[in-house]
């Protein structure tokens, strides 16, 4: 079986494990930069190695019989260029969002990416939006192939929207600026008078935890707002089951950081949660406005508030939207199909 050497940012259940360990017809070596990035020890096995402990790329590649290298972020593709120079193995690089931005503090990143575009064989942006972005940077179009991330549909079973009296709005994602949680909270505050029983729950962790708590106090959200972090996977599924509406208020951060397509939106659509989101990044490639969800301009509190109000007042549209949304996910974002497509792209590159 052909072996691919993968390098990703950290090892935890959210970091593309299927795209590394479950590609049909391919074995894997899973590289991590340093032991501190092995954040979930349960995922440690005999296939895991640390990049900072490999002193002879040629010997490592030969001993492990590696045929292809796959970096799962642009900056990691740059880190694998010395391997490429010493082994001449084909290198593919996934582009996922932040690695297609020139945010502050990334001195020399553009120049290094131009080198990667020249030397790398293929680039797999997770949406057409990011494909266009790296093409504009100088990546040849013939090297670019959009590869959408997939959802394990066996874990996200569709059920029709529940016509309950509750009005529970759910959002999930890291507590960072580009997720737009602060915009969602302000939009929610605008509609509270019209929906006094409505609640907003945000699940995530990150640097903005304290600022978001402070914002909740400023907006006087009280018991209508919850910020949950580090909850078990089973509880996440329970929160999704209790939610009536899912919202992802993604936006371009002040430092230029952008999203590809948030997996949380795919998962919500797969389970039958009506979705409100923004026209940011690759989201319009997933959600078609007023067909399988509602989209508004990013970073627009008033538009988002109007969309939330529209959805809460028009529950008769939910089943129509969610049926179409599930079909969209099944057709274009099914994990099994996407892993097969990844294998096909590997085969194409290796002449198989």
C-alpha atoms as a PDB file:
ATOM      1  CA  UNK A   1       0.000   0.000   0.000  1.00  0.00           C
ATOM      2  CA  UNK A   2       1.299   3.460  -0.926  1.00  0.00           C
ATOM      3  CA  UNK A   3       2.303   5.618   2.052  1.00  0.00           C
ATOM      4  CA  UNK A   4       1.652   9.360   2.329  1.00  0.00           C
ATOM      5  CA  UNK A   5       3.494  11.484   4.887  1.00  0.00           C
ATOM      6  CA  UNK A   6       1.138  14.089   6.365  1.00  0.00           C
ATOM      7  CA  UNK A   7       2.042  17.146   8.438  1.00  0.00           C
ATOM      8  CA  UNK A   8      -0.678  19.032  10.314  1.00  0.00           C
ATOM      9  CA  UNK A   9      -0.777  21.757  12.936  1.00  0.00           C
ATOM     10  CA  UNK A  10      -1.711  19.653  15.931  1.00  0.00           C
ATOM     11  CA  UNK A  11      -3.192  16.258  16.672  1.00  0.00           C
ATOM     12  CA  UNK A  12      -6.708  16.398  18.087  1.00  0.00           C
ATOM     13  CA  UNK A  13     -10.049  15.051  16.807  1.00  0.00           C
ATOM     14  CA  UNK A  14     -10.822  18.289  14.935  1.00  0.00           C
ATOM     15  CA  UNK A  15      -7.607  18.472  12.930  1.00  0.00           C
ATOM     16  CA  UNK A  16      -8.487  16.605   9.736  1.00  0.00           C
ATOM     17  CA  UNK A  17      -7.818  13.134  11.163  1.00  0.00           C
ATOM     18  CA  UNK A  18      -9.926  11.365   8.471  1.00  0.00           C
ATOM     19  CA  UNK A  19      -8.016  13.182   5.694  1.00  0.00           C
ATOM     20  CA  UNK A  20      -4.814  11.781   7.176  1.00  0.00           C
ATOM     21  CA  UNK A  21      -5.753   8.355   8.490  1.00  0.00           C
ATOM     22  CA  UNK A  22      -8.746   7.221   6.449  1.00  0.00           C
ATOM     23  CA  UNK A  23      -7.851   7.902   2.802  1.00  0.00           C
ATOM     24  CA  UNK A  24      -8.904   4.715   0.965  1.00  0.00           C
ATOM     25  CA  UNK A  25      -6.032   2.726  -0.518  1.00  0.00           C
ATOM     26  CA  UNK A  26      -3.328   4.751   1.258  1.00  0.00           C
ATOM     27  CA  UNK A  27      -1.289   4.162   4.395  1.00  0.00           C
ATOM     28  CA  UNK A  28      -0.041   7.137   6.384  1.00  0.00           C
ATOM     29  CA  UNK A  29       2.789   8.612   8.398  1.00  0.00           C
ATOM     30  CA  UNK A  30       1.474  11.379  10.637  1.00  0.00           C
ATOM     31  CA  UNK A  31       4.017  14.101  11.326  1.00  0.00           C
ATOM     32  CA  UNK A  32       3.587  16.616  14.140  1.00  0.00           C
ATOM     33  CA  UNK A  33       5.951  19.571  14.493  1.00  0.00           C
ATOM     34  CA  UNK A  34       6.817  18.958  18.160  1.00  0.00           C
ATOM     35  CA  UNK A  35       5.464  16.806  21.018  1.00  0.00           C
ATOM     36  CA  UNK A  36       3.609  19.808  22.495  1.00  0.00           C
ATOM     37  CA  UNK A  37       1.277  19.771  19.469  1.00  0.00           C
ATOM     38  CA  UNK A  38       0.195  16.200  20.257  1.00  0.00           C
ATOM     39  CA  UNK A  39      -2.789  17.561  22.170  1.00  0.00           C
ATOM     40  CA  UNK A  40      -4.826  14.332  22.286  1.00  0.00           C
ATOM     41  CA  UNK A  41      -2.647  11.413  23.479  1.00  0.00           C
ATOM     42  CA  UNK A  42      -5.386   8.931  22.542  1.00  0.00           C
ATOM     43  CA  UNK A  43      -4.481   9.585  18.886  1.00  0.00           C
ATOM     44  CA  UNK A  44      -0.828   8.682  19.408  1.00  0.00           C
ATOM     45  CA  UNK A  45       0.172   5.475  17.601  1.00  0.00           C
ATOM     46  CA  UNK A  46       3.098   3.879  15.756  1.00  0.00           C
ATOM     47  CA  UNK A  47       2.426   6.063  12.686  1.00  0.00           C
ATOM     48  CA  UNK A  48       3.089   9.344  14.554  1.00  0.00           C
ATOM     49  CA  UNK A  49       6.500  11.040  14.399  1.00  0.00           C
ATOM     50  CA  UNK A  50       7.825  14.477  15.337  1.00  0.00           C
ATOM     51  CA  UNK A  51       9.268  16.708  12.635  1.00  0.00           C
ATOM     52  CA  UNK A  52      11.818  18.303  14.969  1.00  0.00           C
ATOM     53  CA  UNK A  53      13.307  14.846  15.669  1.00  0.00           C
ATOM     54  CA  UNK A  54      13.931  13.929  12.021  1.00  0.00           C
ATOM     55  CA  UNK A  55      17.534  14.799  11.155  1.00  0.00           C
ATOM     56  CA  UNK A  56      17.826  12.995   7.819  1.00  0.00           C
ATOM     57  CA  UNK A  57      14.758  13.473   5.597  1.00  0.00           C
ATOM     58  CA  UNK A  58      16.175  11.141   2.950  1.00  0.00           C
ATOM     59  CA  UNK A  59      16.729   8.271   5.376  1.00  0.00           C
ATOM     60  CA  UNK A  60      13.299   8.785   6.971  1.00  0.00           C
ATOM     61  CA  UNK A  61      11.493   8.767   3.638  1.00  0.00           C
ATOM     62  CA  UNK A  62      13.371   5.686   2.436  1.00  0.00           C
ATOM     63  CA  UNK A  63      12.885   3.757   5.673  1.00  0.00           C
ATOM     64  CA  UNK A  64       9.143   4.470   5.726  1.00  0.00           C
ATOM     65  CA  UNK A  65       8.739   3.889   1.979  1.00  0.00           C
ATOM     66  CA  UNK A  66       6.972   7.241   1.543  1.00  0.00           C
ATOM     67  CA  UNK A  67       5.721   8.158  -1.946  1.00  0.00           C
ATOM     68  CA  UNK A  68       3.958  11.493  -1.372  1.00  0.00           C
ATOM     69  CA  UNK A  69       3.927  14.363   1.122  1.00  0.00           C
ATOM     70  CA  UNK A  70       0.774  16.241   2.156  1.00  0.00           C
ATOM     71  CA  UNK A  71       0.980  19.442   4.221  1.00  0.00           C
ATOM     72  CA  UNK A  72      -2.358  20.441   5.736  1.00  0.00           C
ATOM     73  CA  UNK A  73      -1.694  24.202   5.855  1.00  0.00           C
ATOM     74  CA  UNK A  74       0.316  26.586   3.719  1.00  0.00           C
ATOM     75  CA  UNK A  75       2.893  27.286   6.424  1.00  0.00           C
ATOM     76  CA  UNK A  76       3.382  23.540   6.846  1.00  0.00           C
ATOM     77  CA  UNK A  77       4.010  23.183   3.119  1.00  0.00           C
ATOM     78  CA  UNK A  78       6.812  25.708   3.576  1.00  0.00           C
ATOM     79  CA  UNK A  79       8.221  23.573   6.415  1.00  0.00           C
ATOM     80  CA  UNK A  80       8.293  20.533   4.117  1.00  0.00           C
ATOM     81  CA  UNK A  81      10.250  22.269   1.346  1.00  0.00           C
ATOM     82  CA  UNK A  82      13.574  20.982   2.767  1.00  0.00           C
ATOM     83  CA  UNK A  83      12.138  17.437   2.574  1.00  0.00           C
ATOM     84  CA  UNK A  84      11.175  18.116  -1.031  1.00  0.00           C
ATOM     85  CA  UNK A  85      14.623  19.453  -1.890  1.00  0.00           C
ATOM     86  CA  UNK A  86      16.335  16.387  -0.408  1.00  0.00           C
ATOM     87  CA  UNK A  87      13.932  13.660  -1.561  1.00  0.00           C
ATOM     88  CA  UNK A  88      12.267  15.082  -4.704  1.00  0.00           C
ATOM     89  CA  UNK A  89       8.972  13.573  -3.546  1.00  0.00           C
ATOM     90  CA  UNK A  90       5.767  15.188  -4.830  1.00  0.00           C
ATOM     91  CA  UNK A  91       4.278  17.664  -2.330  1.00  0.00           C
ATOM     92  CA  UNK A  92       0.622  18.644  -2.023  1.00  0.00           C
ATOM     93  CA  UNK A  93      -0.609  21.384   0.293  1.00  0.00           C
ATOM     94  CA  UNK A  94      -4.105  22.004   1.645  1.00  0.00           C
ATOM     95  CA  UNK A  95      -5.153  25.660   1.988  1.00  0.00           C
ATOM     96  CA  UNK A  96      -7.703  26.171   4.750  1.00  0.00           C
ATOM     97  CA  UNK A  97      -8.200  29.872   5.485  1.00  0.00           C
ATOM     98  CA  UNK A  98      -5.678  31.669   7.658  1.00  0.00           C
ATOM     99  CA  UNK A  99      -2.898  30.385   5.394  1.00  0.00           C
ATOM    100  CA  UNK A 100      -4.395  32.393   2.509  1.00  0.00           C
ATOM    101  CA  UNK A 101      -4.073  35.695   4.359  1.00  0.00           C
ATOM    102  CA  UNK A 102      -1.240  38.139   4.840  1.00  0.00           C
ATOM    103  CA  UNK A 103      -2.053  39.080   8.406  1.00  0.00           C
ATOM    104  CA  UNK A 104       0.220  41.188  10.559  1.00  0.00           C
ATOM    105  CA  UNK A 105       3.225  39.411  12.000  1.00  0.00           C
ATOM    106  CA  UNK A 106       3.709  37.028   9.051  1.00  0.00           C
ATOM    107  CA  UNK A 107       6.910  38.626   7.791  1.00  0.00           C
ATOM    108  CA  UNK A 108       8.195  36.927   4.649  1.00  0.00           C
ATOM    109  CA  UNK A 109       5.181  34.611   4.359  1.00  0.00           C
ATOM    110  CA  UNK A 110       4.198  35.762   0.868  1.00  0.00           C
ATOM    111  CA  UNK A 111       7.714  35.216  -0.473  1.00  0.00           C
ATOM    112  CA  UNK A 112       7.838  31.736   1.037  1.00  0.00           C
ATOM    113  CA  UNK A 113       4.422  30.902  -0.392  1.00  0.00           C
ATOM    114  CA  UNK A 114       5.580  31.949  -3.862  1.00  0.00           C
ATOM    115  CA  UNK A 115       8.446  29.482  -3.462  1.00  0.00           C
ATOM    116  CA  UNK A 116       5.949  26.797  -2.410  1.00  0.00           C
ATOM    117  CA  UNK A 117       3.762  27.564  -5.439  1.00  0.00           C
ATOM    118  CA  UNK A 118       6.796  27.046  -7.656  1.00  0.00           C
ATOM    119  CA  UNK A 119       8.026  23.811  -6.088  1.00  0.00           C
ATOM    120  CA  UNK A 120       4.807  22.135  -4.903  1.00  0.00           C
ATOM    121  CA  UNK A 121       2.936  19.830  -7.277  1.00  0.00           C
ATOM    122  CA  UNK A 122      -0.661  20.401  -6.136  1.00  0.00           C
ATOM    123  CA  UNK A 123      -2.695  22.671  -3.874  1.00  0.00           C
ATOM    124  CA  UNK A 124      -6.020  21.652  -2.338  1.00  0.00           C
ATOM    125  CA  UNK A 125      -7.922  24.757  -1.148  1.00  0.00           C
ATOM    126  CA  UNK A 126     -11.040  23.809   0.788  1.00  0.00           C
ATOM    127  CA  UNK A 127     -13.252  26.107  -1.305  1.00  0.00           C
ATOM    128  CA  UNK A 128     -13.220  28.055  -4.556  1.00  0.00           C
ATOM    129  CA  UNK A 129     -12.887  31.330  -2.636  1.00  0.00           C
ATOM    130  CA  UNK A 130      -9.469  30.248  -1.353  1.00  0.00           C
ATOM    131  CA  UNK A 131      -8.563  28.792  -4.752  1.00  0.00           C
ATOM    132  CA  UNK A 132      -9.121  32.223  -6.295  1.00  0.00           C
ATOM    133  CA  UNK A 133      -7.114  33.822  -3.505  1.00  0.00           C
ATOM    134  CA  UNK A 134      -3.965  31.722  -4.020  1.00  0.00           C
ATOM    135  CA  UNK A 135      -4.329  31.958  -7.798  1.00  0.00           C
ATOM    136  CA  UNK A 136      -4.263  35.748  -7.440  1.00  0.00           C
ATOM    137  CA  UNK A 137      -1.088  35.352  -5.376  1.00  0.00           C
ATOM    138  CA  UNK A 138       0.569  33.553  -8.273  1.00  0.00           C
ATOM    139  CA  UNK A 139      -0.232  29.866  -7.803  1.00  0.00           C
ATOM    140  CA  UNK A 140      -0.700  28.376 -11.299  1.00  0.00           C
ATOM    141  CA  UNK A 141      -4.312  27.384 -11.910  1.00  0.00           C
ATOM    142  CA  UNK A 142      -3.259  23.960 -13.222  1.00  0.00           C
ATOM    143  CA  UNK A 143      -1.841  23.152  -9.788  1.00  0.00           C
ATOM    144  CA  UNK A 144      -5.073  24.028  -7.948  1.00  0.00           C
ATOM    145  CA  UNK A 145      -7.828  21.531  -7.176  1.00  0.00           C
ATOM    146  CA  UNK A 146     -10.644  22.430  -4.763  1.00  0.00           C
ATOM    147  CA  UNK A 147     -11.113  19.642  -2.216  1.00  0.00           C
ATOM    148  CA  UNK A 148     -14.044  20.259   0.112  1.00  0.00           C
ATOM    149  CA  UNK A 149     -13.817  18.919   3.633  1.00  0.00           C
ATOM    150  CA  UNK A 150     -16.382  16.231   4.367  1.00  0.00           C
ATOM    151  CA  UNK A 151     -18.836  15.482   7.158  1.00  0.00           C
ATOM    152  CA  UNK A 152     -19.249  12.004   8.636  1.00  0.00           C
ATOM    153  CA  UNK A 153     -22.953  11.640   7.906  1.00  0.00           C
ATOM    154  CA  UNK A 154     -23.189   8.582  10.162  1.00  0.00           C
ATOM    155  CA  UNK A 155     -22.561  10.916  13.126  1.00  0.00           C
ATOM    156  CA  UNK A 156     -24.952  13.638  11.970  1.00  0.00           C
ATOM    157  CA  UNK A 157     -28.354  12.123  11.302  1.00  0.00           C
ATOM    158  CA  UNK A 158     -31.015  14.280   9.706  1.00  0.00           C
ATOM    159  CA  UNK A 159     -34.275  14.894  11.491  1.00  0.00           C
ATOM    160  CA  UNK A 160     -36.921  17.400  10.443  1.00  0.00           C
ATOM    161  CA  UNK A 161     -37.007  20.668  12.413  1.00  0.00           C
ATOM    162  CA  UNK A 162     -39.004  20.435  15.610  1.00  0.00           C
ATOM    163  CA  UNK A 163     -41.901  22.890  15.738  1.00  0.00           C
ATOM    164  CA  UNK A 164     -41.426  23.704  19.422  1.00  0.00           C
ATOM    165  CA  UNK A 165     -42.237  26.776  21.421  1.00  0.00           C
ATOM    166  CA  UNK A 166     -38.533  27.318  22.110  1.00  0.00           C
ATOM    167  CA  UNK A 167     -36.355  29.760  20.151  1.00  0.00           C
ATOM    168  CA  UNK A 168     -32.867  28.504  20.896  1.00  0.00           C
ATOM    169  CA  UNK A 169     -30.098  29.895  18.686  1.00  0.00           C
ATOM    170  CA  UNK A 170     -26.791  27.995  18.620  1.00  0.00           C
ATOM    171  CA  UNK A 171     -23.350  28.930  17.316  1.00  0.00           C
ATOM    172  CA  UNK A 172     -20.099  26.977  17.512  1.00  0.00           C
ATOM    173  CA  UNK A 173     -16.505  27.845  16.755  1.00  0.00           C
ATOM    174  CA  UNK A 174     -13.261  29.072  18.246  1.00  0.00           C
ATOM    175  CA  UNK A 175     -13.541  32.330  20.148  1.00  0.00           C
ATOM    176  CA  UNK A 176     -11.604  34.377  17.618  1.00  0.00           C
ATOM    177  CA  UNK A 177     -12.562  37.492  15.698  1.00  0.00           C
ATOM    178  CA  UNK A 178     -13.231  35.870  12.310  1.00  0.00           C
ATOM    179  CA  UNK A 179     -16.015  33.721  13.798  1.00  0.00           C
ATOM    180  CA  UNK A 180     -18.069  36.886  14.347  1.00  0.00           C
ATOM    181  CA  UNK A 181     -19.499  35.867  17.725  1.00  0.00           C
ATOM    182  CA  UNK A 182     -19.514  39.506  18.847  1.00  0.00           C
ATOM    183  CA  UNK A 183     -21.645  40.455  15.841  1.00  0.00           C
ATOM    184  CA  UNK A 184     -24.070  37.624  16.548  1.00  0.00           C
ATOM    185  CA  UNK A 185     -24.417  38.708  20.170  1.00  0.00           C
ATOM    186  CA  UNK A 186     -25.225  42.274  19.132  1.00  0.00           C
ATOM    187  CA  UNK A 187     -27.763  41.033  16.577  1.00  0.00           C
ATOM    188  CA  UNK A 188     -29.357  38.796  19.193  1.00  0.00           C
ATOM    189  CA  UNK A 189     -29.625  41.747  21.582  1.00  0.00           C
ATOM    190  CA  UNK A 190     -31.560  43.663  18.906  1.00  0.00           C
ATOM    191  CA  UNK A 191     -34.278  41.005  18.616  1.00  0.00           C
ATOM    192  CA  UNK A 192     -34.672  40.073  22.287  1.00  0.00           C
ATOM    193  CA  UNK A 193     -37.619  42.418  22.856  1.00  0.00           C
ATOM    194  CA  UNK A 194     -39.540  40.658  20.065  1.00  0.00           C
ATOM    195  CA  UNK A 195     -38.583  37.181  21.256  1.00  0.00           C
ATOM    196  CA  UNK A 196     -38.306  37.354  25.062  1.00  0.00           C
ATOM    197  CA  UNK A 197     -38.018  33.547  25.352  1.00  0.00           C
ATOM    198  CA  UNK A 198     -35.170  33.311  22.832  1.00  0.00           C
ATOM    199  CA  UNK A 199     -31.744  32.094  23.940  1.00  0.00           C
ATOM    200  CA  UNK A 200     -28.280  32.242  22.425  1.00  0.00           C
ATOM    201  CA  UNK A 201     -25.654  29.585  23.140  1.00  0.00           C
ATOM    202  CA  UNK A 202     -22.080  29.802  21.855  1.00  0.00           C
ATOM    203  CA  UNK A 203     -19.815  26.758  22.137  1.00  0.00           C
ATOM    204  CA  UNK A 204     -16.099  27.361  21.807  1.00  0.00           C
ATOM    205  CA  UNK A 205     -12.890  28.374  23.473  1.00  0.00           C
ATOM    206  CA  UNK A 206     -10.216  30.894  22.639  1.00  0.00           C
ATOM    207  CA  UNK A 207      -8.649  34.247  23.389  1.00  0.00           C
ATOM    208  CA  UNK A 208     -11.888  36.225  23.219  1.00  0.00           C
ATOM    209  CA  UNK A 209     -13.623  34.418  26.073  1.00  0.00           C
ATOM    210  CA  UNK A 210     -13.371  37.300  28.535  1.00  0.00           C
ATOM    211  CA  UNK A 211     -14.233  40.040  25.991  1.00  0.00           C
ATOM    212  CA  UNK A 212     -17.343  38.084  24.985  1.00  0.00           C
ATOM    213  CA  UNK A 213     -18.409  37.704  28.616  1.00  0.00           C
ATOM    214  CA  UNK A 214     -17.921  41.457  29.013  1.00  0.00           C
ATOM    215  CA  UNK A 215     -19.962  42.116  25.892  1.00  0.00           C
ATOM    216  CA  UNK A 216     -22.776  39.938  27.230  1.00  0.00           C
ATOM    217  CA  UNK A 217     -22.827  42.076  30.366  1.00  0.00           C
ATOM    218  CA  UNK A 218     -22.817  45.313  28.348  1.00  0.00           C
ATOM    219  CA  UNK A 219     -25.720  44.046  26.240  1.00  0.00           C
ATOM    220  CA  UNK A 220     -27.587  42.911  29.360  1.00  0.00           C
ATOM    221  CA  UNK A 221     -28.160  39.448  27.902  1.00  0.00           C
ATOM    222  CA  UNK A 222     -28.491  37.851  31.317  1.00  0.00           C
ATOM    223  CA  UNK A 223     -29.716  34.255  31.455  1.00  0.00           C
ATOM    224  CA  UNK A 224     -30.652  34.314  27.763  1.00  0.00           C
ATOM    225  CA  UNK A 225     -26.962  33.871  26.869  1.00  0.00           C
ATOM    226  CA  UNK A 226     -24.559  30.981  27.555  1.00  0.00           C
ATOM    227  CA  UNK A 227     -20.914  30.569  26.591  1.00  0.00           C
ATOM    228  CA  UNK A 228     -19.854  26.921  26.867  1.00  0.00           C
ATOM    229  CA  UNK A 229     -16.316  25.617  26.461  1.00  0.00           C
ATOM    230  CA  UNK A 230     -14.561  22.263  26.654  1.00  0.00           C
ATOM    231  CA  UNK A 231     -17.768  20.256  26.735  1.00  0.00           C
ATOM    232  CA  UNK A 232     -17.844  16.547  25.777  1.00  0.00           C
ATOM    233  CA  UNK A 233     -18.765  15.582  22.222  1.00  0.00           C
ATOM    234  CA  UNK A 234     -21.974  13.963  23.456  1.00  0.00           C
ATOM    235  CA  UNK A 235     -23.045  17.252  25.021  1.00  0.00           C
ATOM    236  CA  UNK A 236     -22.338  19.084  21.752  1.00  0.00           C
ATOM    237  CA  UNK A 237     -24.750  16.730  19.992  1.00  0.00           C
ATOM    238  CA  UNK A 238     -27.292  17.303  22.767  1.00  0.00           C
ATOM    239  CA  UNK A 239     -26.983  21.079  22.382  1.00  0.00           C
ATOM    240  CA  UNK A 240     -27.561  20.685  18.650  1.00  0.00           C
ATOM    241  CA  UNK A 241     -30.644  18.571  19.335  1.00  0.00           C
ATOM    242  CA  UNK A 242     -32.051  21.251  21.643  1.00  0.00           C
ATOM    243  CA  UNK A 243     -31.307  24.112  19.246  1.00  0.00           C
ATOM    244  CA  UNK A 244     -33.915  25.537  16.874  1.00  0.00           C
ATOM    245  CA  UNK A 245     -31.627  27.652  14.711  1.00  0.00           C
ATOM    246  CA  UNK A 246     -27.902  27.638  13.901  1.00  0.00           C
ATOM    247  CA  UNK A 247     -25.957  30.804  13.151  1.00  0.00           C
ATOM    248  CA  UNK A 248     -22.397  31.295  11.908  1.00  0.00           C
ATOM    249  CA  UNK A 249     -21.552  35.006  11.684  1.00  0.00           C
ATOM    250  CA  UNK A 250     -18.148  34.562  10.020  1.00  0.00           C
ATOM    251  CA  UNK A 251     -16.264  37.641   8.825  1.00  0.00           C
ATOM    252  CA  UNK A 252     -12.828  38.811   7.727  1.00  0.00           C
ATOM    253  CA  UNK A 253     -10.838  39.685  10.842  1.00  0.00           C
ATOM    254  CA  UNK A 254      -9.078  43.020  11.245  1.00  0.00           C
ATOM    255  CA  UNK A 255      -5.732  41.325  10.488  1.00  0.00           C
ATOM    256  CA  UNK A 256      -7.068  39.810   7.256  1.00  0.00           C
ATOM    257  CA  UNK A 257      -7.738  36.322   8.642  1.00  0.00           C
ATOM    258  CA  UNK A 258     -10.525  34.533   6.754  1.00  0.00           C
ATOM    259  CA  UNK A 259     -12.532  31.314   6.820  1.00  0.00           C
ATOM    260  CA  UNK A 260     -12.830  28.636   4.186  1.00  0.00           C
ATOM    261  CA  UNK A 261     -16.116  26.848   4.903  1.00  0.00           C
ATOM    262  CA  UNK A 262     -16.828  26.229   8.610  1.00  0.00           C
ATOM    263  CA  UNK A 263     -17.430  22.547   9.333  1.00  0.00           C
ATOM    264  CA  UNK A 264     -19.981  23.524  11.975  1.00  0.00           C
ATOM    265  CA  UNK A 265     -22.298  24.881   9.268  1.00  0.00           C
ATOM    266  CA  UNK A 266     -22.025  21.621   7.306  1.00  0.00           C
ATOM    267  CA  UNK A 267     -22.812  19.639  10.457  1.00  0.00           C
ATOM    268  CA  UNK A 268     -25.816  21.813  11.306  1.00  0.00           C
ATOM    269  CA  UNK A 269     -27.162  21.426   7.783  1.00  0.00           C
ATOM    270  CA  UNK A 270     -26.631  17.662   7.928  1.00  0.00           C
ATOM    271  CA  UNK A 271     -28.675  17.350  11.125  1.00  0.00           C
ATOM    272  CA  UNK A 272     -31.630  19.453   9.976  1.00  0.00           C
ATOM    273  CA  UNK A 273     -30.892  22.682  11.845  1.00  0.00           C
ATOM    274  CA  UNK A 274     -32.025  25.766   9.893  1.00  0.00           C
ATOM    275  CA  UNK A 275     -28.973  27.927   9.147  1.00  0.00           C
ATOM    276  CA  UNK A 276     -28.291  31.647   9.101  1.00  0.00           C
ATOM    277  CA  UNK A 277     -24.803  32.661   8.013  1.00  0.00           C
ATOM    278  CA  UNK A 278     -22.843  35.257   6.034  1.00  0.00           C
ATOM    279  CA  UNK A 279     -21.501  35.685   2.514  1.00  0.00           C
ATOM    280  CA  UNK A 280     -17.970  35.373   3.891  1.00  0.00           C
ATOM    281  CA  UNK A 281     -15.299  33.148   2.332  1.00  0.00           C
ATOM    282  CA  UNK A 282     -16.546  29.896   0.860  1.00  0.00           C
ATOM    283  CA  UNK A 283     -19.843  29.843   2.765  1.00  0.00           C
ATOM    284  CA  UNK A 284     -21.915  30.728  -0.366  1.00  0.00           C
ATOM    285  CA  UNK A 285     -20.496  27.556  -1.949  1.00  0.00           C
ATOM    286  CA  UNK A 286     -22.300  25.638   0.800  1.00  0.00           C
ATOM    287  CA  UNK A 287     -25.388  27.738   1.549  1.00  0.00           C
ATOM    288  CA  UNK A 288     -27.587  29.129  -1.232  1.00  0.00           C
ATOM    289  CA  UNK A 289     -29.555  32.093   0.075  1.00  0.00           C
ATOM    290  CA  UNK A 290     -33.247  31.310   0.618  1.00  0.00           C
ATOM    291  CA  UNK A 291     -32.836  27.787  -0.758  1.00  0.00           C
ATOM    292  CA  UNK A 292     -31.121  25.899   2.059  1.00  0.00           C
ATOM    293  CA  UNK A 293     -30.511  28.723   4.507  1.00  0.00           C
ATOM    294  CA  UNK A 294     -30.296  32.503   4.790  1.00  0.00           C
ATOM    295  CA  UNK A 295     -27.149  34.516   4.082  1.00  0.00           C
ATOM    296  CA  UNK A 296     -26.411  38.131   4.999  1.00  0.00           C
ATOM    297  CA  UNK A 297     -23.533  40.515   4.476  1.00  0.00           C
ATOM    298  CA  UNK A 298     -20.665  39.817   6.862  1.00  0.00           C
ATOM    299  CA  UNK A 299     -20.036  42.108   9.834  1.00  0.00           C
ATOM    300  CA  UNK A 300     -23.511  43.640   9.528  1.00  0.00           C
ATOM    301  CA  UNK A 301     -25.382  43.577  12.836  1.00  0.00           C
ATOM    302  CA  UNK A 302     -28.639  44.922  11.439  1.00  0.00           C
ATOM    303  CA  UNK A 303     -28.836  42.465   8.540  1.00  0.00           C
ATOM    304  CA  UNK A 304     -28.032  39.560  10.838  1.00  0.00           C
ATOM    305  CA  UNK A 305     -30.712  40.648  13.320  1.00  0.00           C
ATOM    306  CA  UNK A 306     -33.240  40.867  10.490  1.00  0.00           C
ATOM    307  CA  UNK A 307     -32.299  37.376   9.266  1.00  0.00           C
ATOM    308  CA  UNK A 308     -32.675  35.879  12.746  1.00  0.00           C
ATOM    309  CA  UNK A 309     -36.066  37.565  13.113  1.00  0.00           C
ATOM    310  CA  UNK A 310     -37.126  36.351   9.661  1.00  0.00           C
ATOM    311  CA  UNK A 311     -36.230  32.750  10.452  1.00  0.00           C
ATOM    312  CA  UNK A 312     -37.882  32.785  13.873  1.00  0.00           C
ATOM    313  CA  UNK A 313     -41.082  34.240  12.396  1.00  0.00           C
ATOM    314  CA  UNK A 314     -41.210  31.865   9.414  1.00  0.00           C
ATOM    315  CA  UNK A 315     -40.841  28.406  10.868  1.00  0.00           C
ATOM    316  CA  UNK A 316     -43.019  27.031   8.064  1.00  0.00           C
ATOM    317  CA  UNK A 317     -39.954  27.439   5.787  1.00  0.00           C
ATOM    318  CA  UNK A 318     -37.625  25.397   7.958  1.00  0.00           C
ATOM    319  CA  UNK A 319     -38.365  21.935   6.619  1.00  0.00           C
ATOM    320  CA  UNK A 320     -38.039  23.132   3.027  1.00  0.00           C
ATOM    321  CA  UNK A 321     -34.665  24.742   3.810  1.00  0.00           C
ATOM    322  CA  UNK A 322     -33.319  21.844   5.846  1.00  0.00           C
ATOM    323  CA  UNK A 323     -34.331  19.157   3.357  1.00  0.00           C
ATOM    324  CA  UNK A 324     -32.451  21.045   0.647  1.00  0.00           C
ATOM    325  CA  UNK A 325     -29.523  21.606   3.020  1.00  0.00           C
ATOM    326  CA  UNK A 326     -29.176  17.905   3.816  1.00  0.00           C
ATOM    327  CA  UNK A 327     -29.203  17.133   0.098  1.00  0.00           C
ATOM    328  CA  UNK A 328     -26.445  19.711  -0.499  1.00  0.00           C
ATOM    329  CA  UNK A 329     -24.259  18.131   2.169  1.00  0.00           C
ATOM    330  CA  UNK A 330     -24.881  14.610   0.876  1.00  0.00           C
ATOM    331  CA  UNK A 331     -23.996  15.599  -2.680  1.00  0.00           C
ATOM    332  CA  UNK A 332     -20.918  17.754  -2.092  1.00  0.00           C
ATOM    333  CA  UNK A 333     -19.678  17.349   1.482  1.00  0.00           C
ATOM    334  CA  UNK A 334     -20.073  13.671   2.378  1.00  0.00           C
ATOM    335  CA  UNK A 335     -16.848  12.567   4.078  1.00  0.00           C
ATOM    336  CA  UNK A 336     -16.783   9.172   2.364  1.00  0.00           C
ATOM    337  CA  UNK A 337     -17.056  10.738  -1.084  1.00  0.00           C
ATOM    338  CA  UNK A 338     -14.518  13.437  -0.299  1.00  0.00           C
ATOM    339  CA  UNK A 339     -11.962  10.908   0.954  1.00  0.00           C
ATOM    340  CA  UNK A 340     -12.459   8.939  -2.258  1.00  0.00           C
ATOM    341  CA  UNK A 341     -11.854  12.150  -4.205  1.00  0.00           C
ATOM    342  CA  UNK A 342      -8.684  12.764  -2.183  1.00  0.00           C
ATOM    343  CA  UNK A 343      -7.480   9.257  -3.073  1.00  0.00           C
ATOM    344  CA  UNK A 344      -8.289   9.916  -6.740  1.00  0.00           C
ATOM    345  CA  UNK A 345      -6.210  13.099  -6.689  1.00  0.00           C
ATOM    346  CA  UNK A 346      -3.318  11.191  -5.116  1.00  0.00           C
ATOM    347  CA  UNK A 347      -3.657   8.500  -7.802  1.00  0.00           C
ATOM    348  CA  UNK A 348      -3.621  11.135 -10.520  1.00  0.00           C
ATOM    349  CA  UNK A 349      -0.458  12.716  -9.165  1.00  0.00           C
ATOM    350  CA  UNK A 350       1.329   9.398  -8.689  1.00  0.00           C
ATOM    351  CA  UNK A 351       0.228   7.971 -12.028  1.00  0.00           C
ATOM    352  CA  UNK A 352      -1.882   5.252 -10.415  1.00  0.00           C
END
